Amino acid sequence: MKNKKTANAELGRLSVEEFKKKEKIPISVVLDDIRSLNNIGSVFRTADAFALEQIILCGITAKPPHREIQKTALGATESVDWLYESSVVEAIEKLKNEGYKVAAIEQAEKKVWLQDVSYSGEKMAVVFGNEVKGVSQQAVDVCDFVIEIPQFGTKHSLNISVSAGVVLWHLVHQVIDK
């Protein structure tokens, strides 16, 4: 056998209780009017994988428990802290008042390319928007800055769960690589 896969029992995974006690990377994910329950579940799973602080669900974004969220979250709704705010603008303003730098993940005139964003573990929140309309203009207006993911094909967007994985890994790897 050239390269034996690691069995689940060999991975040393934390229990939900151990995960809850674990120090988190101080990144909050804000979901602005996400329609797809699968996307919501995928973001929960990514937040668990990277030990992120919390997810804030806003507007029409569905809340756990929901069978369709659970399909992709695979239990991460139990491990990752989350809360619901009806207004994304109010959620962002609260985060800013708590000392977070808040970035919309969007295409905008005054953006910072993802590869130019440096992160050293300070409080940060990233806002991901609706699958069709993106982050609302009202939310973009109250964010501290906008991060854009470079794209080179014929499409001008990525699925929100893919965008979340790309952006969050870019931030997290800068902290764990130190």
N, C-alpha and C. Protein backbone atom coordinates (compact mmCIF):
# COMPACT_ATOMS: atom_id res chain seq x y z
N MET A 1 0.85 -1.17 0.00
CA MET A 1 0.00 0.00 0.00
C MET A 1 0.91 1.24 0.00
N LYS A 2 0.68 2.14 -0.92
CA LYS A 2 1.53 3.32 -1.06
C LYS A 2 1.26 4.40 -0.01
N ASN A 3 -0.01 4.67 0.25
CA ASN A 3 -0.35 5.75 1.17
C ASN A 3 -1.69 5.43 1.84
N LYS A 4 -1.63 4.90 3.03
CA LYS A 4 -2.83 4.47 3.75
C LYS A 4 -3.64 5.67 4.23
N LYS A 5 -4.91 5.66 3.92
CA LYS A 5 -5.79 6.70 4.42
C LYS A 5 -5.89 6.60 5.93
N THR A 6 -6.07 7.74 6.57
CA THR A 6 -6.26 7.77 8.02
C THR A 6 -7.71 7.44 8.34
N ALA A 7 -7.91 6.51 9.22
CA ALA A 7 -9.27 6.15 9.65
C ALA A 7 -9.83 7.23 10.56
N ASN A 8 -11.14 7.39 10.55
CA ASN A 8 -11.77 8.40 11.41
C ASN A 8 -11.35 8.25 12.87
N ALA A 9 -11.24 7.03 13.35
CA ALA A 9 -10.87 6.79 14.75
C ALA A 9 -9.45 7.25 15.04
N GLU A 10 -8.61 7.40 14.03
CA GLU A 10 -7.22 7.81 14.21
C GLU A 10 -7.02 9.32 14.15
N LEU A 11 -8.06 10.06 13.85
CA LEU A 11 -7.92 11.50 13.63
C LEU A 11 -7.83 12.31 14.92
N GLY A 12 -8.20 11.74 16.05
CA GLY A 12 -8.12 12.48 17.32
C GLY A 12 -9.07 13.66 17.37
N ARG A 13 -10.26 13.48 16.87
CA ARG A 13 -11.23 14.57 16.83
C ARG A 13 -11.72 14.94 18.22
N LEU A 14 -11.99 16.21 18.40
CA LEU A 14 -12.52 16.71 19.66
C LEU A 14 -13.99 16.36 19.79
N SER A 15 -14.45 16.18 21.01
CA SER A 15 -15.89 16.07 21.25
C SER A 15 -16.46 17.49 21.16
N VAL A 16 -17.78 17.60 21.06
CA VAL A 16 -18.41 18.92 21.02
C VAL A 16 -18.05 19.70 22.29
N GLU A 17 -18.04 19.03 23.44
CA GLU A 17 -17.70 19.70 24.70
C GLU A 17 -16.26 20.21 24.68
N GLU A 18 -15.33 19.40 24.18
CA GLU A 18 -13.93 19.82 24.08
C GLU A 18 -13.78 20.99 23.09
N PHE A 19 -14.50 20.91 21.99
CA PHE A 19 -14.46 21.98 21.00
C PHE A 19 -14.97 23.30 21.59
N LYS A 20 -16.05 23.23 22.35
CA LYS A 20 -16.63 24.43 22.95
C LYS A 20 -15.63 25.12 23.88
N LYS A 21 -14.78 24.34 24.55
CA LYS A 21 -13.79 24.89 25.49
C LYS A 21 -12.52 25.37 24.79
N LYS A 22 -12.29 24.90 23.59
CA LYS A 22 -11.07 25.21 22.85
C LYS A 22 -11.02 26.70 22.50
N GLU A 23 -9.82 27.27 22.54
CA GLU A 23 -9.65 28.65 22.11
C GLU A 23 -9.94 28.74 20.61
N LYS A 24 -10.72 29.73 20.24
CA LYS A 24 -11.12 29.89 18.85
C LYS A 24 -10.30 30.98 18.15
N ILE A 25 -10.22 30.87 16.86
CA ILE A 25 -9.66 31.96 16.05
C ILE A 25 -10.73 33.04 16.02
N PRO A 26 -10.38 34.29 16.36
CA PRO A 26 -11.41 35.33 16.53
C PRO A 26 -11.96 35.88 15.21
N ILE A 27 -12.53 34.97 14.45
CA ILE A 27 -13.20 35.34 13.20
C ILE A 27 -14.67 35.00 13.34
N SER A 28 -15.51 35.99 13.03
CA SER A 28 -16.95 35.78 12.97
C SER A 28 -17.38 35.80 11.51
N VAL A 29 -18.28 34.90 11.16
CA VAL A 29 -18.81 34.84 9.81
C VAL A 29 -20.24 35.36 9.86
N VAL A 30 -20.54 36.31 8.99
CA VAL A 30 -21.87 36.88 8.90
C VAL A 30 -22.48 36.43 7.57
N LEU A 31 -23.66 35.81 7.64
CA LEU A 31 -24.34 35.36 6.43
C LEU A 31 -25.54 36.28 6.18
N ASP A 32 -25.49 37.01 5.08
CA ASP A 32 -26.47 38.03 4.72
C ASP A 32 -27.46 37.47 3.69
N ASP A 33 -28.64 37.10 4.15
CA ASP A 33 -29.72 36.63 3.26
C ASP A 33 -29.33 35.43 2.39
N ILE A 34 -28.77 34.41 3.00
CA ILE A 34 -28.39 33.20 2.27
C ILE A 34 -29.64 32.33 2.08
N ARG A 35 -29.92 31.97 0.83
CA ARG A 35 -31.13 31.18 0.52
C ARG A 35 -30.92 29.69 0.70
N SER A 36 -29.75 29.21 0.30
CA SER A 36 -29.52 27.77 0.25
C SER A 36 -29.18 27.20 1.62
N LEU A 37 -29.99 26.25 2.05
CA LEU A 37 -29.73 25.59 3.33
C LEU A 37 -28.44 24.78 3.26
N ASN A 38 -28.12 24.24 2.09
CA ASN A 38 -26.86 23.52 1.93
C ASN A 38 -25.66 24.45 2.09
N ASN A 39 -25.76 25.66 1.56
CA ASN A 39 -24.67 26.63 1.76
C ASN A 39 -24.50 26.98 3.23
N ILE A 40 -25.59 27.17 3.92
CA ILE A 40 -25.53 27.48 5.35
C ILE A 40 -24.83 26.34 6.09
N GLY A 41 -25.24 25.12 5.83
CA GLY A 41 -24.62 23.97 6.47
C GLY A 41 -23.14 23.85 6.16
N SER A 42 -22.78 24.13 4.92
CA SER A 42 -21.36 24.07 4.52
C SER A 42 -20.53 25.10 5.27
N VAL A 43 -21.07 26.29 5.46
CA VAL A 43 -20.33 27.32 6.20
C VAL A 43 -20.17 26.90 7.66
N PHE A 44 -21.19 26.30 8.24
CA PHE A 44 -21.05 25.78 9.61
C PHE A 44 -19.91 24.76 9.68
N ARG A 45 -19.87 23.88 8.72
CA ARG A 45 -18.84 22.84 8.72
C ARG A 45 -17.43 23.44 8.57
N THR A 46 -17.31 24.45 7.72
CA THR A 46 -16.03 25.14 7.55
C THR A 46 -15.64 25.87 8.83
N ALA A 47 -16.60 26.53 9.47
CA ALA A 47 -16.32 27.24 10.72
C ALA A 47 -15.86 26.27 11.81
N ASP A 48 -16.42 25.08 11.83
CA ASP A 48 -15.98 24.06 12.78
C ASP A 48 -14.56 23.60 12.43
N ALA A 49 -14.32 23.31 11.17
CA ALA A 49 -13.00 22.81 10.75
C ALA A 49 -11.88 23.78 11.12
N PHE A 50 -12.15 25.07 11.03
CA PHE A 50 -11.12 26.08 11.30
C PHE A 50 -11.22 26.67 12.70
N ALA A 51 -12.11 26.12 13.55
CA ALA A 51 -12.29 26.58 14.93
C ALA A 51 -12.53 28.09 15.01
N LEU A 52 -13.51 28.54 14.24
CA LEU A 52 -13.85 29.96 14.23
C LEU A 52 -14.78 30.28 15.39
N GLU A 53 -14.81 31.55 15.72
CA GLU A 53 -15.54 32.02 16.89
C GLU A 53 -17.06 31.83 16.81
N GLN A 54 -17.65 32.28 15.70
CA GLN A 54 -19.12 32.24 15.63
C GLN A 54 -19.60 32.51 14.21
N ILE A 55 -20.88 32.19 14.01
CA ILE A 55 -21.59 32.54 12.79
C ILE A 55 -22.79 33.37 13.19
N ILE A 56 -23.03 34.45 12.44
CA ILE A 56 -24.20 35.29 12.66
C ILE A 56 -25.08 35.17 11.42
N LEU A 57 -26.28 34.67 11.62
CA LEU A 57 -27.24 34.46 10.54
C LEU A 57 -28.15 35.68 10.48
N CYS A 58 -28.30 36.26 9.28
CA CYS A 58 -29.08 37.50 9.16
C CYS A 58 -30.14 37.40 8.07
N GLY A 59 -31.20 38.19 8.27
CA GLY A 59 -32.25 38.30 7.26
C GLY A 59 -32.96 36.98 7.03
N ILE A 60 -33.05 36.57 5.75
CA ILE A 60 -33.78 35.35 5.41
C ILE A 60 -32.97 34.08 5.64
N THR A 61 -31.73 34.20 6.07
CA THR A 61 -30.89 33.03 6.32
C THR A 61 -31.57 32.14 7.35
N ALA A 62 -31.76 30.88 6.99
CA ALA A 62 -32.43 29.93 7.89
C ALA A 62 -31.56 29.62 9.10
N LYS A 63 -32.23 29.21 10.17
CA LYS A 63 -31.55 28.89 11.43
C LYS A 63 -31.66 27.41 11.73
N PRO A 64 -30.63 26.85 12.36
CA PRO A 64 -30.76 25.47 12.86
C PRO A 64 -31.78 25.45 14.00
N PRO A 65 -32.36 24.33 14.31
CA PRO A 65 -32.16 23.05 13.62
C PRO A 65 -33.01 22.98 12.37
N HIS A 66 -32.44 22.47 11.32
CA HIS A 66 -33.15 22.25 10.08
C HIS A 66 -32.50 21.08 9.36
N ARG A 67 -33.32 20.16 8.93
CA ARG A 67 -32.81 18.93 8.31
C ARG A 67 -31.89 19.21 7.13
N GLU A 68 -32.24 20.18 6.29
CA GLU A 68 -31.43 20.47 5.10
C GLU A 68 -30.10 21.13 5.48
N ILE A 69 -30.05 21.91 6.54
CA ILE A 69 -28.78 22.48 7.01
C ILE A 69 -27.91 21.34 7.55
N GLN A 70 -28.52 20.45 8.30
CA GLN A 70 -27.78 19.34 8.91
C GLN A 70 -27.13 18.42 7.87
N LYS A 71 -27.73 18.30 6.69
CA LYS A 71 -27.18 17.42 5.65
C LYS A 71 -25.73 17.77 5.34
N THR A 72 -25.43 19.06 5.28
CA THR A 72 -24.06 19.47 4.96
C THR A 72 -23.27 19.87 6.19
N ALA A 73 -23.94 20.29 7.25
CA ALA A 73 -23.23 20.70 8.47
C ALA A 73 -22.66 19.50 9.21
N LEU A 74 -23.30 18.35 9.09
CA LEU A 74 -22.85 17.12 9.76
C LEU A 74 -22.58 17.32 11.25
N GLY A 75 -23.47 18.04 11.91
CA GLY A 75 -23.34 18.24 13.36
C GLY A 75 -22.65 19.52 13.78
N ALA A 76 -22.10 20.27 12.83
CA ALA A 76 -21.37 21.50 13.18
C ALA A 76 -22.27 22.58 13.77
N THR A 77 -23.57 22.48 13.59
CA THR A 77 -24.46 23.46 14.23
C THR A 77 -24.48 23.28 15.74
N GLU A 78 -24.03 22.11 16.21
CA GLU A 78 -23.94 21.86 17.64
C GLU A 78 -22.62 22.36 18.23
N SER A 79 -21.58 22.39 17.42
CA SER A 79 -20.25 22.77 17.93
C SER A 79 -19.95 24.26 17.75
N VAL A 80 -20.40 24.84 16.66
CA VAL A 80 -20.10 26.24 16.36
C VAL A 80 -21.15 27.15 16.99
N ASP A 81 -20.70 28.16 17.71
CA ASP A 81 -21.62 29.14 18.28
C ASP A 81 -22.26 29.94 17.15
N TRP A 82 -23.53 30.20 17.29
CA TRP A 82 -24.23 31.00 16.28
C TRP A 82 -25.34 31.81 16.94
N LEU A 83 -25.73 32.87 16.25
CA LEU A 83 -26.86 33.67 16.69
C LEU A 83 -27.55 34.24 15.48
N TYR A 84 -28.74 34.73 15.69
CA TYR A 84 -29.53 35.31 14.60
C TYR A 84 -29.75 36.78 14.86
N GLU A 85 -29.55 37.59 13.84
CA GLU A 85 -29.87 39.02 13.86
C GLU A 85 -30.73 39.29 12.63
N SER A 86 -31.87 39.91 12.79
CA SER A 86 -32.73 40.17 11.63
C SER A 86 -32.07 41.15 10.66
N SER A 87 -31.32 42.11 11.17
CA SER A 87 -30.70 43.13 10.34
C SER A 87 -29.19 42.90 10.23
N VAL A 88 -28.71 42.72 9.01
CA VAL A 88 -27.27 42.56 8.81
C VAL A 88 -26.52 43.83 9.19
N VAL A 89 -27.11 44.98 8.93
CA VAL A 89 -26.46 46.25 9.27
C VAL A 89 -26.29 46.36 10.78
N GLU A 90 -27.32 46.01 11.55
CA GLU A 90 -27.21 46.03 13.01
C GLU A 90 -26.18 45.02 13.50
N ALA A 91 -26.13 43.86 12.88
CA ALA A 91 -25.13 42.84 13.25
C ALA A 91 -23.72 43.38 13.03
N ILE A 92 -23.50 44.02 11.90
CA ILE A 92 -22.17 44.58 11.60
C ILE A 92 -21.83 45.70 12.58
N GLU A 93 -22.77 46.56 12.86
CA GLU A 93 -22.52 47.66 13.79
C GLU A 93 -22.18 47.14 15.18
N LYS A 94 -22.87 46.09 15.64
CA LYS A 94 -22.55 45.48 16.93
C LYS A 94 -21.13 44.93 16.93
N LEU A 95 -20.77 44.23 15.88
CA LEU A 95 -19.41 43.68 15.78
C LEU A 95 -18.37 44.80 15.82
N LYS A 96 -18.60 45.87 15.09
CA LYS A 96 -17.66 46.99 15.08
C LYS A 96 -17.54 47.61 16.48
N ASN A 97 -18.66 47.71 17.19
CA ASN A 97 -18.65 48.23 18.56
C ASN A 97 -17.89 47.33 19.51
N GLU A 98 -17.79 46.04 19.15
CA GLU A 98 -17.03 45.07 19.97
C GLU A 98 -15.58 44.96 19.52
N GLY A 99 -15.16 45.85 18.62
CA GLY A 99 -13.76 45.89 18.23
C GLY A 99 -13.37 45.06 17.02
N TYR A 100 -14.34 44.56 16.28
CA TYR A 100 -14.05 43.78 15.08
C TYR A 100 -13.81 44.69 13.88
N LYS A 101 -12.89 44.31 13.02
CA LYS A 101 -12.79 44.88 11.68
C LYS A 101 -13.70 44.01 10.82
N VAL A 102 -14.54 44.65 10.02
CA VAL A 102 -15.53 43.91 9.26
C VAL A 102 -15.31 44.10 7.77
N ALA A 103 -15.24 42.98 7.06
CA ALA A 103 -15.02 43.00 5.62
C ALA A 103 -16.16 42.31 4.90
N ALA A 104 -16.68 42.96 3.87
CA ALA A 104 -17.64 42.30 2.98
C ALA A 104 -16.83 41.53 1.94
N ILE A 105 -17.29 40.35 1.60
CA ILE A 105 -16.68 39.58 0.52
C ILE A 105 -17.55 39.86 -0.70
N GLU A 106 -17.02 40.71 -1.56
CA GLU A 106 -17.85 41.24 -2.64
C GLU A 106 -16.97 41.81 -3.74
N GLN A 107 -17.57 42.13 -4.86
CA GLN A 107 -16.89 42.83 -5.94
C GLN A 107 -17.29 44.29 -5.83
N ALA A 108 -16.30 45.17 -5.70
CA ALA A 108 -16.58 46.58 -5.49
C ALA A 108 -15.44 47.43 -6.05
N GLU A 109 -15.75 48.69 -6.29
CA GLU A 109 -14.74 49.60 -6.84
C GLU A 109 -13.52 49.70 -5.95
N LYS A 110 -13.74 49.91 -4.67
CA LYS A 110 -12.63 50.07 -3.72
C LYS A 110 -12.49 48.79 -2.92
N LYS A 111 -11.78 47.84 -3.50
CA LYS A 111 -11.63 46.55 -2.85
C LYS A 111 -10.17 46.28 -2.56
N VAL A 112 -9.96 45.29 -1.71
CA VAL A 112 -8.62 44.75 -1.47
C VAL A 112 -8.66 43.34 -2.03
N TRP A 113 -7.69 43.00 -2.86
CA TRP A 113 -7.63 41.63 -3.37
C TRP A 113 -7.33 40.69 -2.22
N LEU A 114 -7.95 39.53 -2.23
CA LEU A 114 -7.78 38.57 -1.15
C LEU A 114 -6.31 38.29 -0.85
N GLN A 115 -5.50 38.11 -1.86
CA GLN A 115 -4.09 37.77 -1.63
C GLN A 115 -3.32 38.90 -0.95
N ASP A 116 -3.88 40.11 -0.92
CA ASP A 116 -3.22 41.25 -0.27
C ASP A 116 -3.69 41.45 1.17
N VAL A 117 -4.61 40.63 1.63
CA VAL A 117 -5.13 40.75 3.00
C VAL A 117 -4.22 39.97 3.93
N SER A 118 -3.70 40.68 4.94
CA SER A 118 -2.91 39.99 5.96
C SER A 118 -3.73 39.95 7.25
N TYR A 119 -3.57 38.85 7.97
CA TYR A 119 -4.34 38.62 9.18
C TYR A 119 -3.41 38.03 10.22
N SER A 120 -3.41 38.63 11.41
CA SER A 120 -2.51 38.14 12.46
C SER A 120 -3.26 37.72 13.72
N GLY A 121 -4.57 37.51 13.61
CA GLY A 121 -5.32 36.99 14.75
C GLY A 121 -6.16 38.00 15.49
N GLU A 122 -6.28 39.21 14.95
CA GLU A 122 -7.13 40.21 15.58
C GLU A 122 -8.61 39.88 15.30
N LYS A 123 -9.51 40.53 16.05
CA LYS A 123 -10.94 40.29 15.85
C LYS A 123 -11.34 40.74 14.44
N MET A 124 -11.93 39.82 13.70
CA MET A 124 -12.34 40.13 12.34
C MET A 124 -13.67 39.44 12.04
N ALA A 125 -14.48 40.08 11.23
CA ALA A 125 -15.72 39.48 10.76
C ALA A 125 -15.75 39.60 9.24
N VAL A 126 -16.24 38.54 8.61
CA VAL A 126 -16.37 38.54 7.15
C VAL A 126 -17.83 38.29 6.80
N VAL A 127 -18.34 39.10 5.88
CA VAL A 127 -19.75 39.06 5.50
C VAL A 127 -19.87 38.44 4.11
N PHE A 128 -20.64 37.36 4.03
CA PHE A 128 -20.92 36.69 2.77
C PHE A 128 -22.38 36.93 2.43
N GLY A 129 -22.67 37.19 1.14
CA GLY A 129 -24.01 37.59 0.75
C GLY A 129 -24.81 36.57 -0.03
N ASN A 130 -26.00 36.99 -0.32
CA ASN A 130 -26.99 36.21 -1.06
C ASN A 130 -26.41 35.66 -2.36
N GLU A 131 -26.83 34.44 -2.69
CA GLU A 131 -26.31 33.73 -3.84
C GLU A 131 -26.51 34.48 -5.17
N VAL A 132 -27.53 35.32 -5.28
CA VAL A 132 -27.78 36.05 -6.52
C VAL A 132 -27.35 37.51 -6.40
N LYS A 133 -27.73 38.15 -5.31
CA LYS A 133 -27.50 39.60 -5.16
C LYS A 133 -26.21 39.95 -4.44
N GLY A 134 -25.57 38.99 -3.81
CA GLY A 134 -24.35 39.26 -3.06
C GLY A 134 -24.64 39.94 -1.73
N VAL A 135 -23.62 40.57 -1.16
CA VAL A 135 -23.78 41.32 0.09
C VAL A 135 -24.57 42.59 -0.24
N SER A 136 -25.56 42.88 0.56
CA SER A 136 -26.39 44.06 0.29
C SER A 136 -25.54 45.33 0.32
N GLN A 137 -25.94 46.32 -0.48
CA GLN A 137 -25.21 47.59 -0.51
C GLN A 137 -25.20 48.25 0.87
N GLN A 138 -26.32 48.11 1.61
CA GLN A 138 -26.37 48.69 2.95
C GLN A 138 -25.31 48.07 3.85
N ALA A 139 -25.09 46.77 3.71
CA ALA A 139 -24.05 46.10 4.51
C ALA A 139 -22.66 46.54 4.05
N VAL A 140 -22.45 46.59 2.74
CA VAL A 140 -21.15 47.04 2.22
C VAL A 140 -20.83 48.43 2.76
N ASP A 141 -21.83 49.30 2.80
CA ASP A 141 -21.64 50.68 3.24
C ASP A 141 -21.14 50.80 4.68
N VAL A 142 -21.49 49.84 5.56
CA VAL A 142 -21.07 49.93 6.95
C VAL A 142 -19.84 49.06 7.26
N CYS A 143 -19.40 48.28 6.29
CA CYS A 143 -18.18 47.48 6.51
C CYS A 143 -16.95 48.38 6.47
N ASP A 144 -15.87 47.91 7.09
CA ASP A 144 -14.62 48.66 7.10
C ASP A 144 -13.91 48.59 5.76
N PHE A 145 -14.05 47.46 5.07
CA PHE A 145 -13.44 47.31 3.75
C PHE A 145 -14.08 46.14 3.02
N VAL A 146 -13.73 46.00 1.75
CA VAL A 146 -14.26 44.94 0.91
C VAL A 146 -13.10 44.09 0.42
N ILE A 147 -13.27 42.78 0.50
CA ILE A 147 -12.29 41.83 -0.03
C ILE A 147 -12.89 41.20 -1.28
N GLU A 148 -12.09 41.16 -2.34
CA GLU A 148 -12.53 40.51 -3.57
C GLU A 148 -11.63 39.32 -3.87
N ILE A 149 -12.24 38.21 -4.25
CA ILE A 149 -11.50 37.02 -4.65
C ILE A 149 -11.21 37.14 -6.14
N PRO A 150 -9.94 37.10 -6.56
CA PRO A 150 -9.64 37.17 -7.99
C PRO A 150 -10.26 35.99 -8.74
N GLN A 151 -10.79 36.27 -9.90
CA GLN A 151 -11.37 35.22 -10.75
C GLN A 151 -10.97 35.49 -12.19
N PHE A 152 -10.73 34.44 -12.94
CA PHE A 152 -10.14 34.60 -14.26
C PHE A 152 -10.94 33.95 -15.38
N GLY A 153 -12.10 33.39 -15.07
CA GLY A 153 -12.89 32.69 -16.09
C GLY A 153 -14.02 33.54 -16.63
N THR A 154 -15.02 32.87 -17.17
CA THR A 154 -16.16 33.56 -17.77
C THR A 154 -17.23 33.90 -16.74
N LYS A 155 -17.21 33.26 -15.59
CA LYS A 155 -18.18 33.54 -14.53
C LYS A 155 -17.62 34.62 -13.62
N HIS A 156 -18.50 35.32 -12.97
CA HIS A 156 -18.08 36.43 -12.12
C HIS A 156 -18.42 36.21 -10.66
N SER A 157 -18.62 34.94 -10.31
CA SER A 157 -18.92 34.66 -8.91
C SER A 157 -18.60 33.20 -8.60
N LEU A 158 -18.43 32.94 -7.32
CA LEU A 158 -18.25 31.59 -6.81
C LEU A 158 -19.44 31.27 -5.90
N ASN A 159 -19.73 30.00 -5.74
CA ASN A 159 -20.74 29.59 -4.77
C ASN A 159 -20.31 30.10 -3.40
N ILE A 160 -21.27 30.50 -2.58
CA ILE A 160 -20.93 31.07 -1.28
C ILE A 160 -20.13 30.12 -0.40
N SER A 161 -20.44 28.83 -0.45
CA SER A 161 -19.67 27.91 0.39
C SER A 161 -18.23 27.79 -0.10
N VAL A 162 -18.02 27.90 -1.41
CA VAL A 162 -16.66 27.89 -1.95
C VAL A 162 -15.95 29.18 -1.56
N SER A 163 -16.62 30.31 -1.72
CA SER A 163 -16.02 31.60 -1.32
C SER A 163 -15.63 31.59 0.14
N ALA A 164 -16.51 31.07 0.99
CA ALA A 164 -16.21 31.01 2.43
C ALA A 164 -14.97 30.17 2.68
N GLY A 165 -14.88 29.01 2.05
CA GLY A 165 -13.71 28.15 2.23
C GLY A 165 -12.43 28.83 1.80
N VAL A 166 -12.46 29.49 0.66
CA VAL A 166 -11.26 30.17 0.12
C VAL A 166 -10.83 31.31 1.04
N VAL A 167 -11.76 32.18 1.40
CA VAL A 167 -11.44 33.35 2.22
C VAL A 167 -11.00 32.93 3.62
N LEU A 168 -11.76 32.03 4.23
CA LEU A 168 -11.45 31.65 5.60
C LEU A 168 -10.12 30.91 5.68
N TRP A 169 -9.82 30.06 4.72
CA TRP A 169 -8.51 29.39 4.72
C TRP A 169 -7.39 30.42 4.57
N HIS A 170 -7.58 31.40 3.69
CA HIS A 170 -6.55 32.43 3.51
C HIS A 170 -6.25 33.13 4.84
N LEU A 171 -7.29 33.44 5.58
CA LEU A 171 -7.10 34.12 6.88
C LEU A 171 -6.50 33.17 7.92
N VAL A 172 -7.09 32.00 8.06
CA VAL A 172 -6.68 31.07 9.11
C VAL A 172 -5.24 30.58 8.93
N HIS A 173 -4.85 30.29 7.71
CA HIS A 173 -3.50 29.74 7.54
C HIS A 173 -2.42 30.74 7.95
N GLN A 174 -2.74 32.03 7.89
CA GLN A 174 -1.76 33.04 8.31
C GLN A 174 -1.52 32.99 9.82
N VAL A 175 -2.53 32.58 10.57
CA VAL A 175 -2.41 32.49 12.03
C VAL A 175 -1.74 31.17 12.43
N ILE A 176 -2.14 30.09 11.81
CA ILE A 176 -1.60 28.78 12.23
C ILE A 176 -0.20 28.54 11.69
N ASP A 177 0.20 29.30 10.67
CA ASP A 177 1.55 29.15 10.12
C ASP A 177 2.61 29.88 10.95
N LYS A 178 2.18 30.58 12.00
CA LYS A 178 3.14 31.36 12.80
C LYS A 178 3.65 30.56 13.96
